[in-house]
Amino acid sequence: MVDKYRSAAQLYLVTPQFDERTEFAGLLDRVLQAAQVAALLIAPRSQGDASDSYQNDCKLLASIAQKHGAAALTLNDTQISGRAGADGIHLTGNLKELKDVIGRFQPAKIVGAGTIRDRHDAMEKGEALPDYLLFGDMFETEETSPDSALELAAWWADLFEIPCVAMAGKQLKDVENAVATRADFIGLNGFVWQHADGPEAAIKAAHKLLQND
């Protein structure tokens, strides 16, 4: 997932809520063809998404991500990650869970950690040696400003070797602010899927920002 010799940040894309699996798979295929994405986090369609439905989503979408050279990550459920043939798992749980999954799955699988609340939390989870830390709200459900998360990402990127993801918001300026943190990965969700010119145009615009940085 991480190319240590690459100077520019890379894109980390989170899937949105969607209605029909096959239709979204076609859209995702076009988006990943439009610009290089390092990793795709396949999120459940809703908080109450049935495990069978999520597993079937992951199987299909993981194969599309991998076809385009992106690492496919699932959320929290290690069994679904294995059954879907994903490259890794992103965890939003506590430190104990993170250490347990790292012990069982690294180095064969990527293990990332999110829900970072402050510097102390970041350092504790960083000491567990995940493959990356993610700063910010993946699902853009929080009403608070993302500034504090970007400040954490900038602090982490400047001091620590473990790669980090800085989540951007829905506007181009949000992506620019995330890039300014010097994070290894720029996390995208609403900026791509809710863009007025469409997801393909959005992913191209974000990728261009990274190349020009």
C-alpha atoms as a PDB file:
ATOM      1  CA  MET A   1       0.000   0.000   0.000  1.00  0.00           C
ATOM      2  CA  VAL A   2       2.809   2.413   0.853  1.00  0.00           C
ATOM      3  CA  ASP A   3       5.486   3.356  -1.668  1.00  0.00           C
ATOM      4  CA  LYS A   4       8.265   4.872   0.462  1.00  0.00           C
ATOM      5  CA  TYR A   5      10.034   6.264  -2.592  1.00  0.00           C
ATOM      6  CA  ARG A   6       7.043   8.203  -3.854  1.00  0.00           C
ATOM      7  CA  SER A   7       7.220  11.913  -3.036  1.00  0.00           C
ATOM      8  CA  ALA A   8       3.603  12.840  -3.666  1.00  0.00           C
ATOM      9  CA  ALA A   9       0.764  11.807  -1.387  1.00  0.00           C
ATOM     10  CA  GLN A  10      -1.529   9.067  -2.626  1.00  0.00           C
ATOM     11  CA  LEU A  11      -5.303   8.775  -2.666  1.00  0.00           C
ATOM     12  CA  TYR A  12      -7.303   6.754  -0.147  1.00  0.00           C
ATOM     13  CA  LEU A  13     -10.922   6.455  -1.252  1.00  0.00           C
ATOM     14  CA  VAL A  14     -13.894   5.564   0.965  1.00  0.00           C
ATOM     15  CA  THR A  15     -17.044   4.142  -0.612  1.00  0.00           C
ATOM     16  CA  PRO A  16     -20.307   6.030  -0.031  1.00  0.00           C
ATOM     17  CA  GLN A  17     -23.778   4.760   0.698  1.00  0.00           C
ATOM     18  CA  PHE A  18     -25.281   3.275  -2.453  1.00  0.00           C
ATOM     19  CA  ASP A  19     -28.445   1.406  -3.409  1.00  0.00           C
ATOM     20  CA  GLU A  20     -27.586  -1.165  -6.047  1.00  0.00           C
ATOM     21  CA  ARG A  21     -24.371  -3.179  -5.926  1.00  0.00           C
ATOM     22  CA  THR A  22     -23.843  -3.803  -9.640  1.00  0.00           C
ATOM     23  CA  GLU A  23     -24.617  -0.217 -10.612  1.00  0.00           C
ATOM     24  CA  PHE A  24     -22.172   1.168  -8.057  1.00  0.00           C
ATOM     25  CA  ALA A  25     -19.530  -1.348  -9.104  1.00  0.00           C
ATOM     26  CA  GLY A  26     -19.672   0.064 -12.627  1.00  0.00           C
ATOM     27  CA  LEU A  27     -19.246   3.599 -11.299  1.00  0.00           C
ATOM     28  CA  LEU A  28     -16.346   2.559  -9.066  1.00  0.00           C
ATOM     29  CA  ASP A  29     -14.634   0.895 -12.000  1.00  0.00           C
ATOM     30  CA  ARG A  30     -14.776   4.144 -13.984  1.00  0.00           C
ATOM     31  CA  VAL A  31     -13.562   6.232 -11.035  1.00  0.00           C
ATOM     32  CA  LEU A  32     -10.566   3.988 -10.390  1.00  0.00           C
ATOM     33  CA  GLN A  33      -9.730   4.053 -14.077  1.00  0.00           C
ATOM     34  CA  ALA A  34      -9.801   7.868 -14.089  1.00  0.00           C
ATOM     35  CA  ALA A  35      -6.985   8.306 -11.526  1.00  0.00           C
ATOM     36  CA  GLN A  36      -4.624   6.129  -9.517  1.00  0.00           C
ATOM     37  CA  VAL A  37      -5.919   5.276  -6.054  1.00  0.00           C
ATOM     38  CA  ALA A  38      -3.678   3.553  -3.512  1.00  0.00           C
ATOM     39  CA  ALA A  39      -6.393   2.118  -1.290  1.00  0.00           C
ATOM     40  CA  LEU A  40     -10.147   1.654  -1.259  1.00  0.00           C
ATOM     41  CA  LEU A  41     -11.974   1.353   2.059  1.00  0.00           C
ATOM     42  CA  ILE A  42     -15.208  -0.527   1.434  1.00  0.00           C
ATOM     43  CA  ALA A  43     -17.660   0.786   3.997  1.00  0.00           C
ATOM     44  CA  PRO A  44     -21.017  -0.788   4.884  1.00  0.00           C
ATOM     45  CA  ARG A  45     -23.922   0.906   3.121  1.00  0.00           C
ATOM     46  CA  SER A  46     -25.475   1.776   6.451  1.00  0.00           C
ATOM     47  CA  GLN A  47     -24.815   1.265  10.151  1.00  0.00           C
ATOM     48  CA  GLY A  48     -27.234  -1.641  10.231  1.00  0.00           C
ATOM     49  CA  ASP A  49     -26.011  -3.298   7.041  1.00  0.00           C
ATOM     50  CA  ALA A  50     -26.472  -7.071   7.235  1.00  0.00           C
ATOM     51  CA  SER A  51     -23.205  -9.001   7.259  1.00  0.00           C
ATOM     52  CA  ASP A  52     -24.166 -11.112   4.210  1.00  0.00           C
ATOM     53  CA  SER A  53     -24.927  -7.995   2.181  1.00  0.00           C
ATOM     54  CA  TYR A  54     -21.709  -6.305   3.248  1.00  0.00           C
ATOM     55  CA  GLN A  55     -19.686  -9.425   2.499  1.00  0.00           C
ATOM     56  CA  ASN A  56     -21.123  -9.625  -1.014  1.00  0.00           C
ATOM     57  CA  ASP A  57     -20.375  -5.926  -1.546  1.00  0.00           C
ATOM     58  CA  CYS A  58     -16.805  -6.479  -0.413  1.00  0.00           C
ATOM     59  CA  LYS A  59     -16.233  -9.454  -2.686  1.00  0.00           C
ATOM     60  CA  LEU A  60     -17.302  -7.537  -5.775  1.00  0.00           C
ATOM     61  CA  LEU A  61     -15.760  -4.168  -4.952  1.00  0.00           C
ATOM     62  CA  ALA A  62     -12.467  -5.643  -3.711  1.00  0.00           C
ATOM     63  CA  SER A  63     -11.936  -7.367  -7.031  1.00  0.00           C
ATOM     64  CA  ILE A  64     -12.498  -4.068  -8.870  1.00  0.00           C
ATOM     65  CA  ALA A  65     -10.074  -2.208  -6.604  1.00  0.00           C
ATOM     66  CA  GLN A  66      -7.401  -4.844  -7.044  1.00  0.00           C
ATOM     67  CA  LYS A  67      -7.841  -4.825 -10.815  1.00  0.00           C
ATOM     68  CA  HIS A  68      -6.839  -1.152 -10.763  1.00  0.00           C
ATOM     69  CA  GLY A  69      -3.920  -1.660  -8.381  1.00  0.00           C
ATOM     70  CA  ALA A  70      -5.639  -0.358  -5.245  1.00  0.00           C
ATOM     71  CA  ALA A  71      -5.471  -2.174  -1.918  1.00  0.00           C
ATOM     72  CA  ALA A  72      -8.968  -3.250  -0.862  1.00  0.00           C
ATOM     73  CA  LEU A  73      -9.769  -2.715   2.818  1.00  0.00           C
ATOM     74  CA  THR A  74     -12.836  -3.747   4.764  1.00  0.00           C
ATOM     75  CA  LEU A  75     -14.159  -2.193   7.957  1.00  0.00           C
ATOM     76  CA  ASN A  76     -13.769  -3.900  11.367  1.00  0.00           C
ATOM     77  CA  ASP A  77     -14.950  -7.429  10.456  1.00  0.00           C
ATOM     78  CA  THR A  78     -11.917  -9.720  10.033  1.00  0.00           C
ATOM     79  CA  GLN A  79     -13.984 -12.668   8.792  1.00  0.00           C
ATOM     80  CA  ILE A  80     -15.510 -10.642   5.982  1.00  0.00           C
ATOM     81  CA  SER A  81     -12.071  -9.318   5.085  1.00  0.00           C
ATOM     82  CA  GLY A  82     -10.793 -12.853   4.620  1.00  0.00           C
ATOM     83  CA  ARG A  83     -13.846 -14.168   2.808  1.00  0.00           C
ATOM     84  CA  ALA A  84     -13.868 -11.213   0.434  1.00  0.00           C
ATOM     85  CA  GLY A  85     -10.212 -11.660  -0.470  1.00  0.00           C
ATOM     86  CA  ALA A  86      -9.438  -8.132   0.721  1.00  0.00           C
ATOM     87  CA  ASP A  87      -5.903  -6.873   1.231  1.00  0.00           C
ATOM     88  CA  GLY A  88      -6.536  -5.669   4.750  1.00  0.00           C
ATOM     89  CA  ILE A  89      -8.822  -4.214   7.347  1.00  0.00           C
ATOM     90  CA  HIS A  90      -9.437  -0.795   8.863  1.00  0.00           C
ATOM     91  CA  LEU A  91     -10.291  -0.716  12.552  1.00  0.00           C
ATOM     92  CA  THR A  92     -12.244   1.902  14.457  1.00  0.00           C
ATOM     93  CA  GLY A  93     -12.247   0.077  17.790  1.00  0.00           C
ATOM     94  CA  ASN A  94     -10.109   0.304  20.905  1.00  0.00           C
ATOM     95  CA  LEU A  95      -6.406  -0.284  21.395  1.00  0.00           C
ATOM     96  CA  LYS A  96      -6.849  -3.842  22.660  1.00  0.00           C
ATOM     97  CA  GLU A  97      -8.721  -4.848  19.508  1.00  0.00           C
ATOM     98  CA  LEU A  98      -6.105  -3.159  17.328  1.00  0.00           C
ATOM     99  CA  LYS A  99      -3.251  -5.052  18.998  1.00  0.00           C
ATOM    100  CA  ASP A 100      -5.123  -8.341  18.670  1.00  0.00           C
ATOM    101  CA  VAL A 101      -5.795  -7.920  14.936  1.00  0.00           C
ATOM    102  CA  ILE A 102      -2.237  -6.729  14.256  1.00  0.00           C
ATOM    103  CA  GLY A 103      -0.892  -9.809  16.026  1.00  0.00           C
ATOM    104  CA  ARG A 104      -3.054 -12.126  13.960  1.00  0.00           C
ATOM    105  CA  PHE A 105      -2.917 -10.517  10.525  1.00  0.00           C
ATOM    106  CA  GLN A 106       0.339  -8.633   9.994  1.00  0.00           C
ATOM    107  CA  PRO A 107       2.371  -8.803   7.830  1.00  0.00           C
ATOM    108  CA  ALA A 108       0.132 -10.809   5.512  1.00  0.00           C
ATOM    109  CA  LYS A 109      -2.633  -8.198   5.652  1.00  0.00           C
ATOM    110  CA  ILE A 110      -2.740  -4.419   5.965  1.00  0.00           C
ATOM    111  CA  VAL A 111      -4.093  -3.238   9.311  1.00  0.00           C
ATOM    112  CA  GLY A 112      -5.055   0.412   9.665  1.00  0.00           C
ATOM    113  CA  ALA A 113      -6.396   2.317  12.653  1.00  0.00           C
ATOM    114  CA  GLY A 114      -8.792   5.227  12.903  1.00  0.00           C
ATOM    115  CA  THR A 115     -10.959   7.080  15.427  1.00  0.00           C
ATOM    116  CA  ILE A 116      -7.959   9.077  16.640  1.00  0.00           C
ATOM    117  CA  ARG A 117      -9.158  11.594  19.232  1.00  0.00           C
ATOM    118  CA  ASP A 118      -5.963  13.314  20.320  1.00  0.00           C
ATOM    119  CA  ARG A 119      -2.166  13.074  20.336  1.00  0.00           C
ATOM    120  CA  HIS A 120      -2.106  10.626  23.236  1.00  0.00           C
ATOM    121  CA  ASP A 121      -4.529   8.323  21.430  1.00  0.00           C
ATOM    122  CA  ALA A 122      -2.457   8.575  18.240  1.00  0.00           C
ATOM    123  CA  MET A 123       0.778   7.677  20.027  1.00  0.00           C
ATOM    124  CA  GLU A 124      -0.810   4.742  21.839  1.00  0.00           C
ATOM    125  CA  LYS A 125      -2.202   3.301  18.633  1.00  0.00           C
ATOM    126  CA  GLY A 126       1.011   4.118  16.798  1.00  0.00           C
ATOM    127  CA  GLU A 127       3.017   2.108  19.334  1.00  0.00           C
ATOM    128  CA  ALA A 128       0.994  -0.937  18.271  1.00  0.00           C
ATOM    129  CA  LEU A 129       2.601  -0.506  14.805  1.00  0.00           C
ATOM    130  CA  PRO A 130      -0.400  -0.480  12.472  1.00  0.00           C
ATOM    131  CA  ASP A 131       0.319   0.037   8.789  1.00  0.00           C
ATOM    132  CA  TYR A 132      -1.254   3.488   8.967  1.00  0.00           C
ATOM    133  CA  LEU A 133      -3.277   5.843  11.151  1.00  0.00           C
ATOM    134  CA  LEU A 134      -6.290   7.693   9.775  1.00  0.00           C
ATOM    135  CA  PHE A 135      -7.153  11.172  11.027  1.00  0.00           C
ATOM    136  CA  GLY A 136     -10.633  12.575  10.467  1.00  0.00           C
ATOM    137  CA  ASP A 137     -14.187  11.463   9.848  1.00  0.00           C
ATOM    138  CA  MET A 138     -14.392   8.857   7.088  1.00  0.00           C
ATOM    139  CA  PHE A 139     -18.136   9.139   6.748  1.00  0.00           C
ATOM    140  CA  GLU A 140     -18.509  12.911   7.140  1.00  0.00           C
ATOM    141  CA  THR A 141     -21.199  12.543   9.775  1.00  0.00           C
ATOM    142  CA  GLU A 142     -19.637  14.814  12.382  1.00  0.00           C
ATOM    143  CA  GLU A 143     -20.834  18.391  12.570  1.00  0.00           C
ATOM    144  CA  THR A 144     -17.575  19.653  14.056  1.00  0.00           C
ATOM    145  CA  SER A 145     -14.838  21.260  11.992  1.00  0.00           C
ATOM    146  CA  PRO A 146     -12.219  18.890  10.551  1.00  0.00           C
ATOM    147  CA  ASP A 147      -9.462  21.380  11.433  1.00  0.00           C
ATOM    148  CA  SER A 148      -8.438  19.538  14.609  1.00  0.00           C
ATOM    149  CA  ALA A 149      -8.077  16.251  12.703  1.00  0.00           C
ATOM    150  CA  LEU A 150      -5.928  17.934  10.057  1.00  0.00           C
ATOM    151  CA  GLU A 151      -3.774  19.479  12.766  1.00  0.00           C
ATOM    152  CA  LEU A 152      -3.238  16.006  14.198  1.00  0.00           C
ATOM    153  CA  ALA A 153      -2.393  14.636  10.756  1.00  0.00           C
ATOM    154  CA  ALA A 154       0.148  17.411  10.152  1.00  0.00           C
ATOM    155  CA  TRP A 155       1.712  16.809  13.572  1.00  0.00           C
ATOM    156  CA  TRP A 156       1.928  13.074  12.964  1.00  0.00           C
ATOM    157  CA  ALA A 157       3.281  13.358   9.414  1.00  0.00           C
ATOM    158  CA  ASP A 158       6.031  15.690  10.596  1.00  0.00           C
ATOM    159  CA  LEU A 159       7.280  13.529  13.461  1.00  0.00           C
ATOM    160  CA  PHE A 160       6.528   9.845  12.904  1.00  0.00           C
ATOM    161  CA  GLU A 161       7.403   7.186  10.324  1.00  0.00           C
ATOM    162  CA  ILE A 162       4.129   5.266  10.353  1.00  0.00           C
ATOM    163  CA  PRO A 163       2.113   6.553   7.371  1.00  0.00           C
ATOM    164  CA  CYS A 164      -1.065   8.513   7.957  1.00  0.00           C
ATOM    165  CA  VAL A 165      -4.270   9.362   6.116  1.00  0.00           C
ATOM    166  CA  ALA A 166      -5.698  12.886   6.313  1.00  0.00           C
ATOM    167  CA  MET A 167      -9.408  12.873   5.506  1.00  0.00           C
ATOM    168  CA  ALA A 168     -10.579  15.727   3.297  1.00  0.00           C
ATOM    169  CA  GLY A 169     -14.065  17.199   3.253  1.00  0.00           C
ATOM    170  CA  LYS A 170     -16.448  17.860   0.390  1.00  0.00           C
ATOM    171  CA  GLN A 171     -14.891  20.998  -1.134  1.00  0.00           C
ATOM    172  CA  LEU A 172     -11.746  21.474  -3.207  1.00  0.00           C
ATOM    173  CA  LYS A 173     -10.360  23.702  -0.464  1.00  0.00           C
ATOM    174  CA  ASP A 174     -10.773  20.807   1.971  1.00  0.00           C
ATOM    175  CA  VAL A 175      -8.627  18.618  -0.255  1.00  0.00           C
ATOM    176  CA  GLU A 176      -6.021  21.381  -0.489  1.00  0.00           C
ATOM    177  CA  ASN A 177      -5.969  21.657   3.308  1.00  0.00           C
ATOM    178  CA  ALA A 178      -5.516  17.908   3.651  1.00  0.00           C
ATOM    179  CA  VAL A 179      -2.649  17.929   1.149  1.00  0.00           C
ATOM    180  CA  ALA A 180      -1.000  20.739   3.140  1.00  0.00           C
ATOM    181  CA  THR A 181      -0.655  18.411   6.146  1.00  0.00           C
ATOM    182  CA  ARG A 182       1.985  16.434   4.193  1.00  0.00           C
ATOM    183  CA  ALA A 183       0.132  13.229   5.052  1.00  0.00           C
ATOM    184  CA  ASP A 184       1.091  10.146   3.073  1.00  0.00           C
ATOM    185  CA  PHE A 185      -2.504   9.605   1.949  1.00  0.00           C
ATOM    186  CA  ILE A 186      -5.394  11.952   1.290  1.00  0.00           C
ATOM    187  CA  GLY A 187      -8.722  10.413   2.251  1.00  0.00           C
ATOM    188  CA  LEU A 188     -11.675  11.163  -0.001  1.00  0.00           C
ATOM    189  CA  ASN A 189     -15.378  10.485   0.361  1.00  0.00           C
ATOM    190  CA  GLY A 190     -17.941  13.213  -0.304  1.00  0.00           C
ATOM    191  CA  PHE A 191     -15.612  15.280  -2.474  1.00  0.00           C
ATOM    192  CA  VAL A 192     -15.669  12.473  -5.029  1.00  0.00           C
ATOM    193  CA  TRP A 193     -19.142  11.022  -4.722  1.00  0.00           C
ATOM    194  CA  GLN A 194     -21.054  14.318  -4.341  1.00  0.00           C
ATOM    195  CA  HIS A 195     -19.059  16.441  -6.781  1.00  0.00           C
ATOM    196  CA  ALA A 196     -21.169  18.590  -9.114  1.00  0.00           C
ATOM    197  CA  ASP A 197     -19.185  17.453 -12.158  1.00  0.00           C
ATOM    198  CA  GLY A 198     -19.318  13.787 -11.219  1.00  0.00           C
ATOM    199  CA  PRO A 199     -16.999  11.362  -9.410  1.00  0.00           C
ATOM    200  CA  GLU A 200     -14.623  10.864 -12.336  1.00  0.00           C
ATOM    201  CA  ALA A 201     -13.960  14.579 -12.669  1.00  0.00           C
ATOM    202  CA  ALA A 202     -13.529  14.860  -8.906  1.00  0.00           C
ATOM    203  CA  ILE A 203     -10.961  12.083  -8.608  1.00  0.00           C
ATOM    204  CA  LYS A 204      -8.988  13.584 -11.494  1.00  0.00           C
ATOM    205  CA  ALA A 205      -9.012  17.001  -9.796  1.00  0.00           C
ATOM    206  CA  ALA A 206      -7.804  15.514  -6.509  1.00  0.00           C
ATOM    207  CA  HIS A 207      -5.072  13.532  -8.232  1.00  0.00           C
ATOM    208  CA  LYS A 208      -3.903  16.643 -10.076  1.00  0.00           C
ATOM    209  CA  LEU A 209      -3.598  18.494  -6.774  1.00  0.00           C
ATOM    210  CA  LEU A 210      -1.296  15.784  -5.456  1.00  0.00           C
ATOM    211  CA  GLN A 211       0.893  15.849  -8.533  1.00  0.00           C
ATOM    212  CA  ASN A 212       1.225  19.635  -8.385  1.00  0.00           C
ATOM    213  CA  ASP A 213       2.014  19.748  -4.688  1.00  0.00           C
END
